N, C-alpha and C. Protein backbone atom coordinates (compact mmCIF):
# COMPACT_ATOMS: atom_id res chain seq x y z
N MET A 1 297.23 71.01 243.59
CA MET A 1 297.40 71.87 242.89
C MET A 1 297.87 70.94 241.15
N ALA A 2 297.10 71.13 240.27
CA ALA A 2 297.17 70.26 239.07
C ALA A 2 298.77 71.22 238.12
N SER A 3 299.23 70.88 237.18
CA SER A 3 300.12 72.09 236.74
C SER A 3 301.10 71.39 235.76
N ARG A 4 301.36 72.16 235.04
CA ARG A 4 302.28 71.27 233.86
C ARG A 4 303.72 72.08 233.47
N ILE A 5 304.84 71.36 233.16
CA ILE A 5 306.28 71.62 232.97
C ILE A 5 306.93 71.45 231.71
N GLU A 6 307.30 71.95 231.45
CA GLU A 6 307.25 72.19 229.36
C GLU A 6 308.89 72.92 229.65
N HIS A 7 309.40 72.13 229.30
CA HIS A 7 311.17 72.74 229.43
C HIS A 7 311.55 73.29 227.98
N THR A 8 312.83 73.96 228.23
CA THR A 8 313.43 74.19 225.95
C THR A 8 314.16 73.98 226.67
N ALA A 9 315.31 74.26 225.72
CA ALA A 9 316.98 73.74 226.33
C ALA A 9 317.54 74.81 228.05
N ASP A 10 317.28 75.73 227.41
CA ASP A 10 317.67 76.55 229.05
C ASP A 10 316.32 76.60 230.08
N ILE A 11 315.11 76.80 229.78
CA ILE A 11 314.28 77.29 230.54
C ILE A 11 312.69 76.55 230.53
N SER A 12 312.87 76.18 231.81
CA SER A 12 311.10 75.60 232.73
C SER A 12 310.32 76.20 232.79
N VAL A 13 309.02 75.73 232.04
CA VAL A 13 307.51 76.94 232.47
C VAL A 13 307.31 75.45 233.32
N ILE A 14 307.21 76.20 234.00
CA ILE A 14 306.09 75.64 234.87
C ILE A 14 304.45 76.82 235.57
N THR A 15 303.53 75.94 235.22
CA THR A 15 302.23 76.42 235.28
C THR A 15 301.01 76.03 236.07
N PRO A 16 301.11 76.06 236.77
CA PRO A 16 300.30 75.64 237.57
C PRO A 16 298.58 75.91 237.77
N VAL A 17 297.63 75.20 238.02
CA VAL A 17 295.69 75.84 238.00
C VAL A 17 295.25 76.01 239.02
N GLY A 18 293.99 76.47 238.99
CA GLY A 18 294.08 76.86 239.93
C GLY A 18 294.52 77.44 241.50
N ARG A 19 294.07 77.94 242.59
CA ARG A 19 294.22 78.30 243.76
C ARG A 19 296.02 77.64 244.50
N LEU A 20 296.84 78.78 244.56
CA LEU A 20 298.36 78.67 245.17
C LEU A 20 297.57 78.83 246.46
N ASP A 21 297.49 78.14 247.40
CA ASP A 21 297.49 78.29 248.84
C ASP A 21 298.42 77.94 249.86
N GLY A 22 297.58 77.14 250.73
CA GLY A 22 298.33 76.59 252.03
C GLY A 22 298.00 75.39 251.74
N THR A 23 297.43 75.09 251.30
CA THR A 23 296.70 73.42 251.13
C THR A 23 297.50 73.07 249.46
N THR A 24 297.77 74.22 248.80
CA THR A 24 298.64 73.86 247.51
C THR A 24 300.08 74.28 247.47
N ALA A 25 300.62 74.84 247.59
CA ALA A 25 301.28 75.54 248.07
C ALA A 25 303.03 74.58 247.94
N ALA A 26 302.50 72.95 249.28
CA ALA A 26 304.09 72.59 249.43
C ALA A 26 304.12 71.75 247.87
N SER A 27 303.47 71.71 246.92
CA SER A 27 303.56 70.70 245.84
C SER A 27 303.77 71.72 245.13
N ILE A 28 303.78 72.51 245.13
CA ILE A 28 304.04 73.76 243.74
C ILE A 28 305.47 73.65 244.22
N GLU A 29 305.96 74.20 245.41
CA GLU A 29 307.17 74.83 245.70
C GLU A 29 307.97 73.46 245.23
N LYS A 30 307.92 72.00 245.96
CA LYS A 30 308.22 70.40 245.83
C LYS A 30 309.28 70.36 243.74
N GLU A 31 307.79 71.17 243.16
CA GLU A 31 307.72 70.80 241.49
C GLU A 31 308.95 72.27 241.50
N ILE A 32 308.76 73.16 241.50
CA ILE A 32 309.63 74.36 241.25
C ILE A 32 310.81 74.00 242.14
N LEU A 33 311.71 73.34 243.75
CA LEU A 33 312.39 73.16 243.88
C LEU A 33 313.55 71.57 242.44
N ASP A 34 312.47 70.74 242.11
CA ASP A 34 312.66 69.74 241.87
C ASP A 34 313.35 69.85 240.20
N VAL A 35 313.07 70.39 239.60
CA VAL A 35 313.11 71.74 238.62
C VAL A 35 314.98 72.38 238.55
N ILE A 36 314.19 73.13 239.86
CA ILE A 36 315.95 73.81 240.02
C ILE A 36 316.61 72.65 240.21
N ALA A 37 316.79 71.79 241.10
CA ALA A 37 317.62 70.96 241.92
C ALA A 37 318.48 69.75 239.96
N ALA A 38 317.28 70.01 239.52
CA ALA A 38 317.55 68.91 238.36
C ALA A 38 318.41 69.56 237.15
N GLY A 39 318.66 71.32 237.70
CA GLY A 39 320.07 71.95 236.64
C GLY A 39 319.18 72.90 235.78
N SER A 40 317.98 73.18 235.80
CA SER A 40 317.60 74.44 235.08
C SER A 40 317.43 76.25 235.57
N PRO A 41 318.58 76.62 234.57
CA PRO A 41 319.12 77.46 235.51
C PRO A 41 318.06 79.09 235.73
N ARG A 42 317.20 78.34 234.76
CA ARG A 42 315.65 79.96 234.31
C ARG A 42 314.23 78.63 234.38
N VAL A 43 313.87 79.64 235.12
CA VAL A 43 312.19 79.58 235.44
C VAL A 43 311.72 80.04 235.15
N VAL A 44 310.53 79.98 234.50
CA VAL A 44 309.59 81.09 234.55
C VAL A 44 307.98 80.03 235.33
N LEU A 45 307.54 80.89 235.72
CA LEU A 45 306.05 80.32 236.52
C LEU A 45 304.67 81.27 235.40
N ASP A 46 303.97 80.56 235.20
CA ASP A 46 303.15 80.92 234.80
C ASP A 46 302.15 81.08 235.37
N LEU A 47 301.52 82.59 235.90
CA LEU A 47 300.48 82.69 236.36
C LEU A 47 298.72 82.25 236.33
N SER A 48 298.89 82.26 234.80
CA SER A 48 297.57 82.76 234.20
C SER A 48 296.44 81.62 234.32
N GLN A 49 296.73 80.55 234.51
CA GLN A 49 295.65 79.92 235.26
C GLN A 49 295.51 79.65 237.14
N VAL A 50 296.14 80.65 237.53
CA VAL A 50 296.18 80.30 238.55
C VAL A 50 295.01 81.88 239.32
N GLU A 51 293.85 81.80 240.33
CA GLU A 51 293.13 82.66 240.27
C GLU A 51 293.32 83.08 241.70
N TYR A 52 293.81 82.60 242.53
CA TYR A 52 293.66 82.86 244.03
C TYR A 52 295.11 82.59 244.24
N ILE A 53 296.24 83.43 244.80
CA ILE A 53 297.58 83.16 245.62
C ILE A 53 297.75 83.83 247.08
N SER A 54 297.99 83.02 247.96
CA SER A 54 297.70 83.73 249.67
C SER A 54 299.68 83.74 250.05
N SER A 55 299.51 83.95 250.98
CA SER A 55 300.05 84.39 251.75
C SER A 55 301.56 83.01 251.66
N ALA A 56 300.76 82.16 251.64
CA ALA A 56 301.50 80.10 251.46
C ALA A 56 302.27 80.62 249.62
N GLY A 57 301.98 80.77 249.15
CA GLY A 57 302.58 80.93 247.94
C GLY A 57 302.83 82.13 247.32
N LEU A 58 302.88 82.86 248.03
CA LEU A 58 303.68 83.84 247.98
C LEU A 58 305.03 83.77 248.59
N ARG A 59 305.18 83.39 250.12
CA ARG A 59 306.33 82.36 249.82
C ARG A 59 307.05 81.45 249.42
N VAL A 60 306.33 80.58 248.73
CA VAL A 60 307.54 79.94 246.97
C VAL A 60 307.55 81.13 245.99
N VAL A 61 306.82 82.17 246.25
CA VAL A 61 307.84 82.73 245.11
C VAL A 61 309.13 83.26 245.54
N VAL A 62 309.41 84.01 247.09
CA VAL A 62 310.53 83.89 247.48
C VAL A 62 311.30 83.21 248.16
N ILE A 63 310.86 81.94 247.99
CA ILE A 63 312.31 80.60 248.58
C ILE A 63 312.19 80.83 246.28
N ALA A 64 311.90 80.37 245.89
CA ALA A 64 311.80 80.19 243.99
C ALA A 64 313.19 80.76 243.67
N THR A 65 312.28 82.51 244.00
CA THR A 65 313.46 83.34 243.62
C THR A 65 314.59 83.58 244.03
N LYS A 66 315.57 83.07 245.19
CA LYS A 66 316.37 82.96 246.44
C LYS A 66 316.83 81.85 246.12
N ARG A 67 316.52 81.49 245.73
CA ARG A 67 317.08 79.74 245.26
C ARG A 67 317.42 80.12 243.78
N LEU A 68 317.22 80.20 242.80
CA LEU A 68 317.64 81.07 241.47
C LEU A 68 318.62 81.46 241.42
N LYS A 69 318.74 82.57 242.63
CA LYS A 69 319.62 83.58 242.23
C LYS A 69 320.97 83.35 243.22
N GLN A 70 320.73 82.32 244.30
CA GLN A 70 321.69 81.28 244.49
C GLN A 70 322.41 80.69 243.78
N ARG A 71 321.73 80.35 242.62
CA ARG A 71 322.52 79.66 241.08
C ARG A 71 322.71 80.75 239.79
N SER A 72 323.07 82.11 240.17
CA SER A 72 322.60 82.75 239.31
C SER A 72 321.92 82.77 238.19
N GLY A 73 321.30 82.08 238.02
CA GLY A 73 319.36 82.42 237.50
C GLY A 73 318.81 82.74 237.22
N SER A 74 317.45 82.75 237.08
CA SER A 74 316.76 83.51 236.96
C SER A 74 315.19 83.32 237.13
N PHE A 75 314.10 83.39 237.48
CA PHE A 75 312.95 83.12 238.36
C PHE A 75 312.25 84.84 237.37
N VAL A 76 311.22 84.48 236.19
CA VAL A 76 310.22 85.72 236.36
C VAL A 76 309.16 84.68 236.58
N LEU A 77 308.21 85.88 236.77
CA LEU A 77 306.42 85.51 236.58
C LEU A 77 305.70 85.82 235.26
N CYS A 78 305.06 85.45 235.10
CA CYS A 78 303.95 85.74 234.08
C CYS A 78 302.77 85.69 234.22
N SER A 79 301.26 86.89 233.90
CA SER A 79 300.56 86.28 232.96
C SER A 79 299.61 86.22 234.21
N LEU A 80 299.55 87.59 235.26
CA LEU A 80 298.94 87.15 236.76
C LEU A 80 297.96 87.78 236.52
N GLN A 81 296.53 87.58 236.48
CA GLN A 81 295.22 87.60 237.32
C GLN A 81 295.36 89.04 237.53
N PRO A 82 294.26 89.58 237.64
CA PRO A 82 293.56 90.83 238.25
C PRO A 82 293.83 90.34 240.00
N LEU A 83 293.44 89.97 240.27
CA LEU A 83 293.48 88.84 242.43
C LEU A 83 295.46 89.20 242.37
N VAL A 84 295.51 88.46 240.73
CA VAL A 84 296.83 87.22 241.64
C VAL A 84 297.92 89.01 241.91
N SER A 85 297.74 89.88 240.63
CA SER A 85 297.74 90.93 240.94
C SER A 85 298.19 92.05 241.77
N GLU A 86 296.83 92.00 242.48
CA GLU A 86 296.90 92.93 243.72
C GLU A 86 297.25 92.53 244.70
N VAL A 87 297.59 91.34 245.23
CA VAL A 87 298.39 90.58 246.50
C VAL A 87 299.81 90.94 245.88
N PHE A 88 300.79 90.49 244.85
CA PHE A 88 301.98 90.64 244.39
C PHE A 88 302.05 92.84 245.30
N GLU A 89 301.22 93.27 244.20
CA GLU A 89 301.80 94.58 245.17
C GLU A 89 301.30 95.39 246.50
N ILE A 90 300.32 94.20 246.60
CA ILE A 90 300.07 94.61 248.42
C ILE A 90 300.91 94.70 249.97
N SER A 91 301.54 93.28 248.74
CA SER A 91 302.10 92.70 249.61
C SER A 91 303.99 93.43 249.50
N GLY A 92 304.41 93.98 248.00
CA GLY A 92 305.58 94.20 247.82
C GLY A 92 306.38 93.24 247.84
N LEU A 93 306.31 92.50 246.72
CA LEU A 93 307.33 91.59 246.29
C LEU A 93 307.26 91.70 245.63
N LEU A 94 306.97 92.77 244.48
CA LEU A 94 306.98 92.78 243.36
C LEU A 94 308.80 94.59 243.46
N SER A 95 308.47 94.63 243.82
CA SER A 95 310.31 95.00 243.17
C SER A 95 311.39 93.27 244.43
N LEU A 96 310.76 92.83 244.34
CA LEU A 96 311.69 91.67 244.39
C LEU A 96 311.90 89.91 243.22
N VAL A 97 310.77 90.46 242.65
CA VAL A 97 310.60 89.76 242.04
C VAL A 97 309.96 90.17 240.22
N THR A 98 310.74 89.50 238.64
CA THR A 98 310.63 90.15 237.47
C THR A 98 308.89 89.66 237.06
N VAL A 99 308.37 90.67 236.64
CA VAL A 99 307.11 89.98 236.10
C VAL A 99 306.86 90.93 235.15
N LYS A 100 306.13 89.55 234.26
CA LYS A 100 305.73 90.23 233.18
C LYS A 100 304.59 90.21 232.37
N ASP A 101 303.98 90.61 231.28
CA ASP A 101 302.41 90.42 231.44
C ASP A 101 302.36 88.96 230.52
N SER A 102 303.69 89.35 229.35
CA SER A 102 303.09 87.59 228.62
C SER A 102 303.86 86.54 229.02
N LEU A 103 303.98 85.53 228.54
CA LEU A 103 304.67 84.57 228.76
C LEU A 103 305.57 84.77 227.02
N ARG A 104 305.71 84.79 226.70
CA ARG A 104 306.41 85.03 225.26
C ARG A 104 308.02 86.61 225.94
N GLU A 105 307.44 87.35 227.09
CA GLU A 105 307.98 88.30 227.36
C GLU A 105 308.48 87.96 228.62
N ALA A 106 308.43 86.56 229.44
CA ALA A 106 308.53 86.09 229.90
C ALA A 106 310.16 85.62 229.67
N MET A 107 309.79 84.96 228.82
CA MET A 107 310.39 83.84 228.22
C MET A 107 311.98 84.79 227.72
N ALA A 108 311.33 85.75 227.61
CA ALA A 108 312.80 86.81 226.52
C ALA A 108 313.41 87.36 228.16
N SER A 109 312.73 87.88 229.18
CA SER A 109 312.74 88.58 229.97
C SER A 109 314.35 87.26 231.01
N ALA A 110 313.63 85.80 230.54
CA ALA A 110 314.18 85.06 231.37
C ALA A 110 315.59 84.78 230.72
N GLY A 111 315.72 85.29 229.74
CA GLY A 111 317.09 84.65 228.25
C GLY A 111 316.86 84.03 227.01
N ARG A 112 315.65 83.47 227.55
CA ARG A 112 315.40 83.40 225.51
C ARG A 112 314.37 83.50 225.27
N LEU A 113 314.31 83.59 224.01
CA LEU A 113 312.82 83.92 223.19
C LEU A 113 312.55 82.97 222.91
N ALA A 114 310.87 82.39 223.04
CA ALA A 114 310.37 81.11 222.39
C ALA A 114 309.73 81.34 221.15
């Protein structure tokens, strides 16, 4: 899976492209966990370019959320496409994760306005 990672002073924005499923989840999980391990206290996952997410993708979100909570950090999702948003809604994960409509709102929620 292709993705773009951008870093500001204290927020990392990861923007995966394509499908977040069993085939691609391991690579995006590694990218997110590498960013966290490198010391980024705040991570935004911009899902504007993700057209599909499976249970494997949801697992990545849960792992990242828990890892950042352990480090007193924040993990925010943004720009969910309608099908992706529906999967989060059906799964019940919307009560576990912070979701914002736009990258700007996500950056503000994570602790710093872009």
